[in-house]
C-alpha atoms as a PDB file:
ATOM      1  CA  MET A   1       0.000   0.000   0.000  1.00  0.00           C
ATOM      2  CA  ASN A   2       1.380   3.320  -1.020  1.00  0.00           C
ATOM      3  CA  HIS A   3       1.427   6.185   1.468  1.00  0.00           C
ATOM      4  CA  PRO A   4       1.449   9.816   0.397  1.00  0.00           C
ATOM      5  CA  LEU A   5       4.809  11.464   0.801  1.00  0.00           C
ATOM      6  CA  THR A   6       5.099  14.026   3.598  1.00  0.00           C
ATOM      7  CA  THR A   7       7.616  16.818   3.687  1.00  0.00           C
ATOM      8  CA  ARG A   8       9.246  17.570   6.987  1.00  0.00           C
ATOM      9  CA  LYS A   9      11.002  20.808   7.636  1.00  0.00           C
ATOM     10  CA  PRO A  10      14.590  20.512   8.811  1.00  0.00           C
ATOM     11  CA  ARG A  11      14.984  20.687  12.584  1.00  0.00           C
ATOM     12  CA  GLY A  12      17.265  23.694  12.211  1.00  0.00           C
ATOM     13  CA  THR A  13      14.529  25.658  10.439  1.00  0.00           C
ATOM     14  CA  ILE A  14      12.003  24.932  13.212  1.00  0.00           C
ATOM     15  CA  THR A  15      14.512  25.873  15.897  1.00  0.00           C
ATOM     16  CA  ARG A  16      15.326  29.172  14.196  1.00  0.00           C
ATOM     17  CA  ARG A  17      11.638  29.987  13.866  1.00  0.00           C
ATOM     18  CA  ARG A  18      11.007  29.258  17.540  1.00  0.00           C
ATOM     19  CA  LYS A  19      13.922  31.475  18.507  1.00  0.00           C
ATOM     20  CA  ALA A  20      12.578  34.254  16.283  1.00  0.00           C
ATOM     21  CA  VAL A  21       9.115  34.011  17.894  1.00  0.00           C
ATOM     22  CA  ARG A  22      10.635  34.101  21.390  1.00  0.00           C
ATOM     23  CA  ALA A  23      12.775  37.096  20.459  1.00  0.00           C
ATOM     24  CA  ALA A  24       9.762  38.918  19.028  1.00  0.00           C
ATOM     25  CA  ALA A  25       7.694  38.184  22.131  1.00  0.00           C
ATOM     26  CA  GLY A  26      10.527  39.482  24.288  1.00  0.00           C
ATOM     27  CA  ALA A  27      10.692  42.623  22.193  1.00  0.00           C
ATOM     28  CA  VAL A  28       6.942  43.190  22.713  1.00  0.00           C
ATOM     29  CA  LEU A  29       7.412  42.997  26.478  1.00  0.00           C
ATOM     30  CA  ALA A  30      10.464  45.257  26.380  1.00  0.00           C
ATOM     31  CA  LEU A  31       8.589  47.831  24.283  1.00  0.00           C
ATOM     32  CA  ALA A  32       5.681  47.818  26.731  1.00  0.00           C
ATOM     33  CA  VAL A  33       8.028  48.356  29.671  1.00  0.00           C
ATOM     34  CA  PHE A  34       9.875  51.115  27.823  1.00  0.00           C
ATOM     35  CA  ALA A  35       6.616  52.872  26.946  1.00  0.00           C
ATOM     36  CA  HIS A  36       5.630  52.783  30.607  1.00  0.00           C
ATOM     37  CA  LEU A  37       8.975  54.129  31.753  1.00  0.00           C
ATOM     38  CA  SER A  38       8.948  56.821  29.069  1.00  0.00           C
ATOM     39  CA  ALA A  39       6.090  58.612  30.811  1.00  0.00           C
ATOM     40  CA  GLN A  40       7.345  61.826  32.321  1.00  0.00           C
ATOM     41  CA  SER A  41       5.881  62.331  35.784  1.00  0.00           C
ATOM     42  CA  ALA A  42       5.290  65.621  37.604  1.00  0.00           C
ATOM     43  CA  PRO A  43       3.513  66.646  40.823  1.00  0.00           C
ATOM     44  CA  LEU A  44      -0.154  67.590  40.480  1.00  0.00           C
ATOM     45  CA  ARG A  45      -1.710  70.326  42.591  1.00  0.00           C
ATOM     46  CA  ILE A  46      -5.394  70.274  43.499  1.00  0.00           C
ATOM     47  CA  SER A  47      -7.322  73.290  44.772  1.00  0.00           C
ATOM     48  CA  ARG A  48     -10.974  73.720  45.669  1.00  0.00           C
ATOM     49  CA  ASP A  49     -12.913  76.395  43.822  1.00  0.00           C
ATOM     50  CA  GLY A  50     -16.530  76.309  44.921  1.00  0.00           C
ATOM     51  CA  ASP A  51     -18.055  73.139  43.530  1.00  0.00           C
ATOM     52  CA  ARG A  52     -14.993  72.334  41.371  1.00  0.00           C
ATOM     53  CA  LEU A  53     -11.584  70.780  42.013  1.00  0.00           C
ATOM     54  CA  ARG A  54      -8.999  72.641  39.921  1.00  0.00           C
ATOM     55  CA  LEU A  55      -5.820  71.038  38.587  1.00  0.00           C
ATOM     56  CA  SER A  56      -2.442  72.656  38.070  1.00  0.00           C
ATOM     57  CA  SER A  57       1.059  71.345  37.441  1.00  0.00           C
ATOM     58  CA  PRO A  58       3.670  74.011  36.633  1.00  0.00           C
ATOM     59  CA  GLN A  59       6.325  71.330  36.120  1.00  0.00           C
ATOM     60  CA  LEU A  60       4.297  69.407  33.535  1.00  0.00           C
ATOM     61  CA  HIS A  61       5.315  70.360  29.975  1.00  0.00           C
ATOM     62  CA  PHE A  62       3.817  68.404  27.077  1.00  0.00           C
ATOM     63  CA  LEU A  63       4.394  71.034  24.382  1.00  0.00           C
ATOM     64  CA  GLU A  64       7.832  69.726  23.523  1.00  0.00           C
ATOM     65  CA  GLY A  65       9.733  67.276  21.339  1.00  0.00           C
ATOM     66  CA  ALA A  66       8.128  65.717  18.267  1.00  0.00           C
ATOM     67  CA  PRO A  67       4.604  67.119  18.900  1.00  0.00           C
ATOM     68  CA  LEU A  68       5.973  70.643  19.120  1.00  0.00           C
ATOM     69  CA  GLN A  69       7.957  70.135  15.914  1.00  0.00           C
ATOM     70  CA  LYS A  70       4.769  69.033  14.123  1.00  0.00           C
ATOM     71  CA  LEU A  71       3.021  72.190  15.302  1.00  0.00           C
ATOM     72  CA  HIS A  72       5.916  74.342  14.115  1.00  0.00           C
ATOM     73  CA  ASP A  73       5.635  72.586  10.738  1.00  0.00           C
ATOM     74  CA  GLY A  74       2.060  73.828  10.440  1.00  0.00           C
ATOM     75  CA  ARG A  75       0.313  70.575  11.372  1.00  0.00           C
ATOM     76  CA  SER A  76      -2.269  70.059  14.097  1.00  0.00           C
ATOM     77  CA  VAL A  77      -1.722  67.697  17.013  1.00  0.00           C
ATOM     78  CA  THR A  78      -4.393  66.015  19.142  1.00  0.00           C
ATOM     79  CA  TYR A  79      -3.609  65.356  22.797  1.00  0.00           C
ATOM     80  CA  VAL A  80      -5.689  62.942  24.874  1.00  0.00           C
ATOM     81  CA  PHE A  81      -6.034  63.940  28.531  1.00  0.00           C
ATOM     82  CA  THR A  82      -7.404  61.581  31.161  1.00  0.00           C
ATOM     83  CA  VAL A  83      -7.893  62.663  34.767  1.00  0.00           C
ATOM     84  CA  THR A  84      -8.852  60.133  37.417  1.00  0.00           C
ATOM     85  CA  LEU A  85      -9.878  60.639  41.024  1.00  0.00           C
ATOM     86  CA  GLN A  86      -9.413  57.446  42.984  1.00  0.00           C
ATOM     87  CA  VAL A  87     -10.206  56.728  46.590  1.00  0.00           C
ATOM     88  CA  GLU A  88      -7.328  55.124  48.451  1.00  0.00           C
ATOM     89  CA  ARG A  89      -7.206  51.661  49.992  1.00  0.00           C
ATOM     90  CA  GLY A  90      -8.584  49.741  47.044  1.00  0.00           C
ATOM     91  CA  ALA A  91     -11.929  51.481  46.666  1.00  0.00           C
ATOM     92  CA  ALA A  92     -13.502  51.784  43.220  1.00  0.00           C
ATOM     93  CA  ARG A  93     -12.739  54.727  40.973  1.00  0.00           C
ATOM     94  CA  ALA A  94     -14.764  57.757  42.014  1.00  0.00           C
ATOM     95  CA  ALA A  95     -14.525  59.973  38.936  1.00  0.00           C
ATOM     96  CA  ARG A  96     -12.910  60.136  35.521  1.00  0.00           C
ATOM     97  CA  ALA A  97     -12.816  62.696  32.720  1.00  0.00           C
ATOM     98  CA  ILE A  98     -11.340  62.457  29.215  1.00  0.00           C
ATOM     99  CA  ARG A  99     -10.737  65.296  26.774  1.00  0.00           C
ATOM    100  CA  HIS A 100      -9.417  65.219  23.201  1.00  0.00           C
ATOM    101  CA  LEU A 101      -7.862  68.616  22.528  1.00  0.00           C
ATOM    102  CA  VAL A 102      -6.645  69.688  19.093  1.00  0.00           C
ATOM    103  CA  PHE A 103      -3.665  72.040  19.050  1.00  0.00           C
ATOM    104  CA  SER A 104      -2.530  74.307  16.221  1.00  0.00           C
ATOM    105  CA  TYR A 105       0.194  76.929  16.007  1.00  0.00           C
ATOM    106  CA  ASP A 106       0.268  80.354  14.371  1.00  0.00           C
ATOM    107  CA  LEU A 107       3.736  80.754  12.864  1.00  0.00           C
ATOM    108  CA  TRP A 108       3.397  84.523  12.513  1.00  0.00           C
ATOM    109  CA  GLU A 109       2.120  85.306  15.987  1.00  0.00           C
ATOM    110  CA  GLU A 110       3.977  82.375  17.598  1.00  0.00           C
ATOM    111  CA  ARG A 111       0.917  81.494  19.637  1.00  0.00           C
ATOM    112  CA  PHE A 112      -1.106  78.321  20.194  1.00  0.00           C
ATOM    113  CA  SER A 113      -4.785  77.664  19.600  1.00  0.00           C
ATOM    114  CA  ILE A 114      -6.757  74.823  21.191  1.00  0.00           C
ATOM    115  CA  ALA A 115     -10.196  73.377  20.506  1.00  0.00           C
ATOM    116  CA  GLN A 116     -11.997  70.470  22.097  1.00  0.00           C
ATOM    117  CA  ALA A 117     -12.516  67.804  19.418  1.00  0.00           C
ATOM    118  CA  ASP A 118     -16.176  67.039  20.237  1.00  0.00           C
ATOM    119  CA  ASP A 119     -17.095  70.626  21.106  1.00  0.00           C
ATOM    120  CA  PRO A 120     -15.306  73.264  18.959  1.00  0.00           C
ATOM    121  CA  ARG A 121     -17.011  76.020  20.962  1.00  0.00           C
ATOM    122  CA  THR A 122     -14.748  75.098  23.863  1.00  0.00           C
ATOM    123  CA  ALA A 123     -11.628  76.752  22.535  1.00  0.00           C
ATOM    124  CA  ALA A 124      -8.886  79.256  23.228  1.00  0.00           C
ATOM    125  CA  SER A 125      -6.375  81.094  21.060  1.00  0.00           C
ATOM    126  CA  HIS A 126      -3.361  83.433  21.165  1.00  0.00           C
ATOM    127  CA  LEU A 127      -1.840  81.414  24.007  1.00  0.00           C
ATOM    128  CA  THR A 128       1.784  81.029  24.977  1.00  0.00           C
ATOM    129  CA  ALA A 129       3.020  77.502  25.666  1.00  0.00           C
ATOM    130  CA  ALA A 130       2.676  77.935  29.429  1.00  0.00           C
ATOM    131  CA  ALA A 131      -0.815  79.431  29.100  1.00  0.00           C
ATOM    132  CA  ALA A 132      -1.912  76.644  26.733  1.00  0.00           C
ATOM    133  CA  GLU A 133      -0.768  73.933  29.127  1.00  0.00           C
ATOM    134  CA  ALA A 134      -2.487  75.647  32.062  1.00  0.00           C
ATOM    135  CA  TRP A 135      -5.715  76.097  30.050  1.00  0.00           C
ATOM    136  CA  CYS A 136      -5.861  72.359  29.333  1.00  0.00           C
ATOM    137  CA  LEU A 137      -5.488  71.420  32.983  1.00  0.00           C
ATOM    138  CA  ASP A 138      -8.119  73.927  34.057  1.00  0.00           C
ATOM    139  CA  LEU A 139     -10.516  72.383  31.534  1.00  0.00           C
ATOM    140  CA  LEU A 140     -10.058  69.049  33.304  1.00  0.00           C
ATOM    141  CA  SER A 141     -11.507  70.236  36.612  1.00  0.00           C
ATOM    142  CA  LEU A 142     -13.660  67.744  38.498  1.00  0.00           C
ATOM    143  CA  PRO A 143     -16.820  68.290  40.553  1.00  0.00           C
ATOM    144  CA  SER A 144     -15.902  68.517  44.235  1.00  0.00           C
ATOM    145  CA  ARG A 145     -18.739  66.110  45.035  1.00  0.00           C
ATOM    146  CA  ALA A 146     -16.708  63.397  43.301  1.00  0.00           C
ATOM    147  CA  ALA A 147     -14.285  63.427  46.239  1.00  0.00           C
ATOM    148  CA  PRO A 148     -15.323  61.456  49.339  1.00  0.00           C
ATOM    149  CA  ALA A 149     -15.993  63.513  52.431  1.00  0.00           C
ATOM    150  CA  ASP A 150     -14.453  61.032  54.889  1.00  0.00           C
ATOM    151  CA  LYS A 151     -11.661  59.294  52.965  1.00  0.00           C
ATOM    152  CA  SER A 152      -8.386  60.314  51.365  1.00  0.00           C
ATOM    153  CA  PHE A 153      -8.064  60.271  47.589  1.00  0.00           C
ATOM    154  CA  VAL A 154      -5.495  60.737  44.824  1.00  0.00           C
ATOM    155  CA  VAL A 155      -5.876  62.522  41.489  1.00  0.00           C
ATOM    156  CA  LYS A 156      -3.859  61.361  38.474  1.00  0.00           C
ATOM    157  CA  LEU A 157      -3.495  63.038  35.100  1.00  0.00           C
ATOM    158  CA  ASP A 158      -2.361  61.151  31.979  1.00  0.00           C
ATOM    159  CA  CYS A 159      -1.516  62.880  28.704  1.00  0.00           C
ATOM    160  CA  SER A 160      -0.766  61.121  25.430  1.00  0.00           C
ATOM    161  CA  LEU A 161      -0.960  61.721  21.698  1.00  0.00           C
ATOM    162  CA  LYS A 162      -3.820  60.470  19.576  1.00  0.00           C
ATOM    163  CA  GLU A 163      -2.290  58.006  17.131  1.00  0.00           C
ATOM    164  CA  ASP A 164      -2.826  58.360  13.408  1.00  0.00           C
ATOM    165  CA  ALA A 165      -4.950  55.698  11.738  1.00  0.00           C
ATOM    166  CA  ALA A 166      -1.943  54.483   9.771  1.00  0.00           C
ATOM    167  CA  GLU A 167      -0.098  53.651  12.981  1.00  0.00           C
ATOM    168  CA  GLY A 168      -2.866  51.342  14.152  1.00  0.00           C
ATOM    169  CA  GLY A 169      -2.066  48.760  11.486  1.00  0.00           C
ATOM    170  CA  ASP A 170       0.955  47.519  13.409  1.00  0.00           C
ATOM    171  CA  ALA A 171      -1.174  46.362  16.310  1.00  0.00           C
ATOM    172  CA  ALA A 172      -3.329  44.239  14.023  1.00  0.00           C
ATOM    173  CA  SER A 173      -0.361  42.632  12.282  1.00  0.00           C
ATOM    174  CA  ALA A 174       1.081  41.631  15.646  1.00  0.00           C
ATOM    175  CA  THR A 175      -1.821  39.253  16.298  1.00  0.00           C
ATOM    176  CA  THR A 176      -0.190  36.537  14.162  1.00  0.00           C
ATOM    177  CA  ILE A 177       3.244  34.950  14.538  1.00  0.00           C
ATOM    178  CA  THR A 178       4.238  36.017  11.028  1.00  0.00           C
ATOM    179  CA  GLY A 179       3.051  39.550  11.665  1.00  0.00           C
ATOM    180  CA  LEU A 180       4.869  39.642  14.992  1.00  0.00           C
ATOM    181  CA  ILE A 181       8.156  38.609  13.403  1.00  0.00           C
ATOM    182  CA  ASP A 182       7.655  41.088  10.566  1.00  0.00           C
ATOM    183  CA  LEU A 183       6.836  43.898  13.008  1.00  0.00           C
ATOM    184  CA  PHE A 184      10.105  43.591  14.898  1.00  0.00           C
ATOM    185  CA  SER A 185      12.200  43.002  11.819  1.00  0.00           C
ATOM    186  CA  ARG A 186      11.477  46.584  10.801  1.00  0.00           C
ATOM    187  CA  LYS A 187      13.441  49.583  11.972  1.00  0.00           C
ATOM    188  CA  GLU A 188      12.792  50.150  15.665  1.00  0.00           C
ATOM    189  CA  ARG A 189      10.563  53.115  16.390  1.00  0.00           C
ATOM    190  CA  ALA A 190      10.621  55.201  19.530  1.00  0.00           C
ATOM    191  CA  ALA A 191       7.775  54.672  21.963  1.00  0.00           C
ATOM    192  CA  PRO A 192       5.105  57.395  21.747  1.00  0.00           C
ATOM    193  CA  PRO A 193       5.593  60.095  24.380  1.00  0.00           C
ATOM    194  CA  ARG A 194       3.416  60.174  27.473  1.00  0.00           C
ATOM    195  CA  TRP A 195       3.193  62.597  30.345  1.00  0.00           C
ATOM    196  CA  GLU A 196       1.647  62.160  33.756  1.00  0.00           C
ATOM    197  CA  ALA A 197       1.122  64.072  36.977  1.00  0.00           C
ATOM    198  CA  VAL A 198      -0.019  62.653  40.314  1.00  0.00           C
ATOM    199  CA  SER A 199      -1.214  64.410  43.440  1.00  0.00           C
ATOM    200  CA  SER A 200      -0.271  63.492  46.967  1.00  0.00           C
ATOM    201  CA  PRO A 201      -3.010  61.844  49.077  1.00  0.00           C
ATOM    202  CA  LEU A 202      -5.668  64.457  49.823  1.00  0.00           C
ATOM    203  CA  ARG A 203      -8.723  64.932  51.989  1.00  0.00           C
ATOM    204  CA  LEU A 204     -11.547  67.214  50.908  1.00  0.00           C
ATOM    205  CA  ALA A 205     -11.750  68.873  54.314  1.00  0.00           C
ATOM    206  CA  ASP A 206      -8.107  69.915  54.048  1.00  0.00           C
ATOM    207  CA  LEU A 207      -8.584  71.783  50.759  1.00  0.00           C
ATOM    208  CA  LYS A 208      -9.235  75.435  51.418  1.00  0.00           C
ATOM    209  CA  ASP A 209     -12.106  76.749  49.301  1.00  0.00           C
ATOM    210  CA  LYS A 210     -11.225  79.787  47.150  1.00  0.00           C
ATOM    211  CA  VAL A 211     -14.868  80.850  47.097  1.00  0.00           C
ATOM    212  CA  PRO A 212     -15.853  82.526  50.392  1.00  0.00           C
ATOM    213  CA  ARG A 213     -18.939  81.158  52.016  1.00  0.00           C
END
Protein backbone atom coordinates (compact mmCIF):
# COMPACT_ATOMS: atom_id res chain seq x y z
CA MET A 1 0.00 0.00 0.00
CA ASN A 2 1.38 3.32 -1.02
CA HIS A 3 1.43 6.18 1.47
CA PRO A 4 1.45 9.82 0.40
CA LEU A 5 4.81 11.46 0.80
CA THR A 6 5.10 14.03 3.60
CA THR A 7 7.62 16.82 3.69
CA ARG A 8 9.25 17.57 6.99
CA LYS A 9 11.00 20.81 7.64
CA PRO A 10 14.59 20.51 8.81
CA ARG A 11 14.98 20.69 12.58
CA GLY A 12 17.26 23.69 12.21
CA THR A 13 14.53 25.66 10.44
CA ILE A 14 12.00 24.93 13.21
CA THR A 15 14.51 25.87 15.90
CA ARG A 16 15.33 29.17 14.20
CA ARG A 17 11.64 29.99 13.87
CA ARG A 18 11.01 29.26 17.54
CA LYS A 19 13.92 31.48 18.51
CA ALA A 20 12.58 34.25 16.28
CA VAL A 21 9.12 34.01 17.89
CA ARG A 22 10.64 34.10 21.39
CA ALA A 23 12.78 37.10 20.46
CA ALA A 24 9.76 38.92 19.03
CA ALA A 25 7.69 38.18 22.13
CA GLY A 26 10.53 39.48 24.29
CA ALA A 27 10.69 42.62 22.19
CA VAL A 28 6.94 43.19 22.71
CA LEU A 29 7.41 43.00 26.48
CA ALA A 30 10.46 45.26 26.38
CA LEU A 31 8.59 47.83 24.28
CA ALA A 32 5.68 47.82 26.73
CA VAL A 33 8.03 48.36 29.67
CA PHE A 34 9.87 51.12 27.82
CA ALA A 35 6.62 52.87 26.95
CA HIS A 36 5.63 52.78 30.61
CA LEU A 37 8.98 54.13 31.75
CA SER A 38 8.95 56.82 29.07
CA ALA A 39 6.09 58.61 30.81
CA GLN A 40 7.35 61.83 32.32
CA SER A 41 5.88 62.33 35.78
CA ALA A 42 5.29 65.62 37.60
CA PRO A 43 3.51 66.65 40.82
CA LEU A 44 -0.15 67.59 40.48
CA ARG A 45 -1.71 70.33 42.59
CA ILE A 46 -5.39 70.27 43.50
CA SER A 47 -7.32 73.29 44.77
CA ARG A 48 -10.97 73.72 45.67
CA ASP A 49 -12.91 76.39 43.82
CA GLY A 50 -16.53 76.31 44.92
CA ASP A 51 -18.06 73.14 43.53
CA ARG A 52 -14.99 72.33 41.37
CA LEU A 53 -11.58 70.78 42.01
CA ARG A 54 -9.00 72.64 39.92
CA LEU A 55 -5.82 71.04 38.59
CA SER A 56 -2.44 72.66 38.07
CA SER A 57 1.06 71.35 37.44
CA PRO A 58 3.67 74.01 36.63
CA GLN A 59 6.33 71.33 36.12
CA LEU A 60 4.30 69.41 33.54
CA HIS A 61 5.32 70.36 29.98
CA PHE A 62 3.82 68.40 27.08
CA LEU A 63 4.39 71.03 24.38
CA GLU A 64 7.83 69.73 23.52
CA GLY A 65 9.73 67.28 21.34
CA ALA A 66 8.13 65.72 18.27
CA PRO A 67 4.60 67.12 18.90
CA LEU A 68 5.97 70.64 19.12
CA GLN A 69 7.96 70.13 15.91
CA LYS A 70 4.77 69.03 14.12
CA LEU A 71 3.02 72.19 15.30
CA HIS A 72 5.92 74.34 14.11
CA ASP A 73 5.63 72.59 10.74
CA GLY A 74 2.06 73.83 10.44
CA ARG A 75 0.31 70.57 11.37
CA SER A 76 -2.27 70.06 14.10
CA VAL A 77 -1.72 67.70 17.01
CA THR A 78 -4.39 66.02 19.14
CA TYR A 79 -3.61 65.36 22.80
CA VAL A 80 -5.69 62.94 24.87
CA PHE A 81 -6.03 63.94 28.53
CA THR A 82 -7.40 61.58 31.16
CA VAL A 83 -7.89 62.66 34.77
CA THR A 84 -8.85 60.13 37.42
CA LEU A 85 -9.88 60.64 41.02
CA GLN A 86 -9.41 57.45 42.98
CA VAL A 87 -10.21 56.73 46.59
CA GLU A 88 -7.33 55.12 48.45
CA ARG A 89 -7.21 51.66 49.99
CA GLY A 90 -8.58 49.74 47.04
CA ALA A 91 -11.93 51.48 46.67
CA ALA A 92 -13.50 51.78 43.22
CA ARG A 93 -12.74 54.73 40.97
CA ALA A 94 -14.76 57.76 42.01
CA ALA A 95 -14.52 59.97 38.94
CA ARG A 96 -12.91 60.14 35.52
CA ALA A 97 -12.82 62.70 32.72
CA ILE A 98 -11.34 62.46 29.21
CA ARG A 99 -10.74 65.30 26.77
CA HIS A 100 -9.42 65.22 23.20
CA LEU A 101 -7.86 68.62 22.53
CA VAL A 102 -6.65 69.69 19.09
CA PHE A 103 -3.66 72.04 19.05
CA SER A 104 -2.53 74.31 16.22
CA TYR A 105 0.19 76.93 16.01
CA ASP A 106 0.27 80.35 14.37
CA LEU A 107 3.74 80.75 12.86
CA TRP A 108 3.40 84.52 12.51
CA GLU A 109 2.12 85.31 15.99
CA GLU A 110 3.98 82.38 17.60
CA ARG A 111 0.92 81.49 19.64
CA PHE A 112 -1.11 78.32 20.19
CA SER A 113 -4.78 77.66 19.60
CA ILE A 114 -6.76 74.82 21.19
CA ALA A 115 -10.20 73.38 20.51
CA GLN A 116 -12.00 70.47 22.10
CA ALA A 117 -12.52 67.80 19.42
CA ASP A 118 -16.18 67.04 20.24
CA ASP A 119 -17.09 70.63 21.11
CA PRO A 120 -15.31 73.26 18.96
CA ARG A 121 -17.01 76.02 20.96
CA THR A 122 -14.75 75.10 23.86
CA ALA A 123 -11.63 76.75 22.53
CA ALA A 124 -8.89 79.26 23.23
CA SER A 125 -6.37 81.09 21.06
CA HIS A 126 -3.36 83.43 21.16
CA LEU A 127 -1.84 81.41 24.01
CA THR A 128 1.78 81.03 24.98
CA ALA A 129 3.02 77.50 25.67
CA ALA A 130 2.68 77.93 29.43
CA ALA A 131 -0.82 79.43 29.10
CA ALA A 132 -1.91 76.64 26.73
CA GLU A 133 -0.77 73.93 29.13
CA ALA A 134 -2.49 75.65 32.06
CA TRP A 135 -5.72 76.10 30.05
CA CYS A 136 -5.86 72.36 29.33
CA LEU A 137 -5.49 71.42 32.98
CA ASP A 138 -8.12 73.93 34.06
CA LEU A 139 -10.52 72.38 31.53
CA LEU A 140 -10.06 69.05 33.30
CA SER A 141 -11.51 70.24 36.61
CA LEU A 142 -13.66 67.74 38.50
CA PRO A 143 -16.82 68.29 40.55
CA SER A 144 -15.90 68.52 44.24
CA ARG A 145 -18.74 66.11 45.03
CA ALA A 146 -16.71 63.40 43.30
CA ALA A 147 -14.29 63.43 46.24
CA PRO A 148 -15.32 61.46 49.34
CA ALA A 149 -15.99 63.51 52.43
CA ASP A 150 -14.45 61.03 54.89
CA LYS A 151 -11.66 59.29 52.96
CA SER A 152 -8.39 60.31 51.36
CA PHE A 153 -8.06 60.27 47.59
CA VAL A 154 -5.50 60.74 44.82
CA VAL A 155 -5.88 62.52 41.49
CA LYS A 156 -3.86 61.36 38.47
CA LEU A 157 -3.49 63.04 35.10
CA ASP A 158 -2.36 61.15 31.98
CA CYS A 159 -1.52 62.88 28.70
CA SER A 160 -0.77 61.12 25.43
CA LEU A 161 -0.96 61.72 21.70
CA LYS A 162 -3.82 60.47 19.58
CA GLU A 163 -2.29 58.01 17.13
CA ASP A 164 -2.83 58.36 13.41
CA ALA A 165 -4.95 55.70 11.74
CA ALA A 166 -1.94 54.48 9.77
CA GLU A 167 -0.10 53.65 12.98
CA GLY A 168 -2.87 51.34 14.15
CA GLY A 169 -2.07 48.76 11.49
CA ASP A 170 0.96 47.52 13.41
CA ALA A 171 -1.17 46.36 16.31
CA ALA A 172 -3.33 44.24 14.02
CA SER A 173 -0.36 42.63 12.28
CA ALA A 174 1.08 41.63 15.65
CA THR A 175 -1.82 39.25 16.30
CA THR A 176 -0.19 36.54 14.16
CA ILE A 177 3.24 34.95 14.54
CA THR A 178 4.24 36.02 11.03
CA GLY A 179 3.05 39.55 11.66
CA LEU A 180 4.87 39.64 14.99
CA ILE A 181 8.16 38.61 13.40
CA ASP A 182 7.66 41.09 10.57
CA LEU A 183 6.84 43.90 13.01
CA PHE A 184 10.10 43.59 14.90
CA SER A 185 12.20 43.00 11.82
CA ARG A 186 11.48 46.58 10.80
CA LYS A 187 13.44 49.58 11.97
CA GLU A 188 12.79 50.15 15.67
CA ARG A 189 10.56 53.11 16.39
CA ALA A 190 10.62 55.20 19.53
CA ALA A 191 7.78 54.67 21.96
CA PRO A 192 5.11 57.39 21.75
CA PRO A 193 5.59 60.10 24.38
CA ARG A 194 3.42 60.17 27.47
CA TRP A 195 3.19 62.60 30.34
CA GLU A 196 1.65 62.16 33.76
CA ALA A 197 1.12 64.07 36.98
CA VAL A 198 -0.02 62.65 40.31
CA SER A 199 -1.21 64.41 43.44
CA SER A 200 -0.27 63.49 46.97
CA PRO A 201 -3.01 61.84 49.08
CA LEU A 202 -5.67 64.46 49.82
CA ARG A 203 -8.72 64.93 51.99
CA LEU A 204 -11.55 67.21 50.91
CA ALA A 205 -11.75 68.87 54.31
CA ASP A 206 -8.11 69.92 54.05
CA LEU A 207 -8.58 71.78 50.76
CA LYS A 208 -9.24 75.44 51.42
CA ASP A 209 -12.11 76.75 49.30
CA LYS A 210 -11.22 79.79 47.15
CA VAL A 211 -14.87 80.85 47.10
CA PRO A 212 -15.85 82.53 50.39
CA ARG A 213 -18.94 81.16 52.02
